[in-house]
Amino acid sequence: MLRAGHDVRLYARDADTVAAIARSENPRYLPGIKIAPGIAATSDIAASLDGADCVLVVTPAQSLRAVLAQANNHVPAGIPLVLCAKGIERDTGALLSTIV
């Protein structure tokens, strides 16, 4: 998306991950893989979603419900929300598509 000229913003829950992404890396989740410069990371979920044309939800299955609860009031109306994860929620047995 970045190469196609779109702004790309990434929400991360903790400041250490945001700082690592600013250095074009994420050693905790993507060790050894360079993150494209130009991706803006923030721990402010409202800022990450402000003015978005599309939202890709790329979060571990067990964190999905909590992240969506935080994002709920910040996702712009009428834009596509694409779930990019698979699995079931351990505690409830719910498919991720039913959580969205």
Protein backbone atom coordinates (compact mmCIF):
# COMPACT_ATOMS: atom_id res chain seq x y z
CA MET A 1 0.00 0.00 0.00
CA LEU A 2 2.86 2.33 0.80
CA ARG A 3 4.42 1.68 -2.62
CA ALA A 4 1.09 2.53 -4.24
CA GLY A 5 1.23 5.97 -2.62
CA HIS A 6 -1.09 5.38 0.32
CA ASP A 7 -0.36 6.58 3.84
CA VAL A 8 0.18 3.57 6.09
CA ARG A 9 -0.31 3.87 9.83
CA LEU A 10 0.26 1.07 12.28
CA TYR A 11 -1.17 0.86 15.78
CA ALA A 12 0.94 -0.87 18.42
CA ARG A 13 -0.04 -1.19 22.06
CA ASP A 14 3.32 -0.39 23.62
CA ALA A 15 5.90 2.37 23.23
CA ASP A 16 8.82 -0.04 22.73
CA THR A 17 7.18 -1.57 19.66
CA VAL A 18 6.35 1.89 18.27
CA ALA A 19 9.98 2.97 18.75
CA ALA A 20 11.27 -0.20 17.05
CA ILE A 21 8.97 0.31 14.06
CA ALA A 22 10.25 3.90 13.78
CA ARG A 23 13.69 2.27 13.33
CA SER A 24 12.21 0.04 10.58
CA GLU A 25 12.24 -3.09 12.72
CA ASN A 26 10.06 -5.12 15.03
CA PRO A 27 12.36 -7.65 16.70
CA ARG A 28 9.65 -9.02 18.98
CA TYR A 29 7.24 -10.09 16.23
CA LEU A 30 9.30 -9.90 13.01
CA PRO A 31 12.94 -10.53 13.92
CA GLY A 32 15.34 -9.92 11.04
CA ILE A 33 12.69 -8.39 8.77
CA LYS A 34 13.03 -4.74 7.75
CA ILE A 35 9.88 -2.64 7.92
CA ALA A 36 9.49 -0.18 5.07
CA PRO A 37 10.44 3.37 5.94
CA GLY A 38 7.41 5.61 5.74
CA ILE A 39 5.16 3.44 7.87
CA ALA A 40 4.00 5.61 10.75
CA ALA A 41 3.57 3.76 14.04
CA THR A 42 1.68 5.06 17.04
CA SER A 43 0.30 3.79 20.34
CA ASP A 44 -2.67 6.16 19.94
CA ILE A 45 -5.42 4.09 18.33
CA ALA A 46 -7.53 7.17 17.50
CA ALA A 47 -4.61 8.76 15.63
CA SER A 48 -3.92 5.54 13.74
CA LEU A 49 -7.52 5.43 12.46
CA ASP A 50 -8.18 9.13 11.87
CA GLY A 51 -9.10 9.70 8.23
CA ALA A 52 -8.46 6.09 7.22
CA ASP A 53 -9.85 4.89 3.87
CA CYS A 54 -9.52 1.22 4.87
CA VAL A 55 -8.61 -0.61 8.08
CA LEU A 56 -6.64 -3.85 8.04
CA VAL A 57 -6.97 -5.64 11.37
CA VAL A 58 -3.75 -7.59 11.77
CA THR A 59 -3.71 -8.65 15.40
CA PRO A 60 -3.24 -11.99 17.14
CA ALA A 61 -6.50 -13.89 17.61
CA GLN A 62 -6.39 -13.67 21.40
CA SER A 63 -6.03 -9.86 21.31
CA LEU A 64 -8.70 -9.17 18.70
CA ARG A 65 -11.64 -8.49 21.04
CA ALA A 66 -9.65 -6.03 23.19
CA VAL A 67 -8.19 -4.16 20.20
CA LEU A 68 -11.59 -3.88 18.50
CA ALA A 69 -13.14 -2.59 21.73
CA GLN A 70 -10.54 0.19 21.80
CA ALA A 71 -11.00 0.96 18.10
CA ASN A 72 -14.80 0.85 18.13
CA ASN A 73 -15.47 4.58 18.43
CA HIS A 74 -12.59 5.60 16.16
CA VAL A 75 -13.15 3.65 12.93
CA PRO A 76 -14.51 6.07 10.31
CA ALA A 77 -18.05 5.20 9.22
CA GLY A 78 -18.52 3.40 5.93
CA ILE A 79 -14.96 2.27 5.32
CA PRO A 80 -13.90 -1.34 4.76
CA LEU A 81 -12.59 -3.20 7.79
CA VAL A 82 -10.59 -6.24 6.68
CA LEU A 83 -9.86 -9.01 9.18
CA CYS A 84 -6.39 -10.39 8.39
CA ALA A 85 -6.23 -13.08 11.06
CA LYS A 86 -7.57 -16.57 11.50
CA GLY A 87 -8.37 -18.75 14.44
CA ILE A 88 -10.75 -18.94 17.34
CA GLU A 89 -10.90 -17.10 20.61
CA ARG A 90 -9.58 -19.47 23.26
CA ASP A 91 -11.89 -18.42 26.11
CA THR A 92 -15.15 -18.43 24.15
CA GLY A 93 -14.50 -20.67 21.13
CA ALA A 94 -15.79 -17.82 18.93
CA LEU A 95 -14.63 -17.52 15.34
CA LEU A 96 -12.86 -14.21 14.79
CA SER A 97 -15.36 -13.15 12.16
CA THR A 98 -18.12 -13.28 14.80
CA ILE A 99 -16.13 -10.98 17.10
CA VAL A 100 -15.86 -8.31 14.42
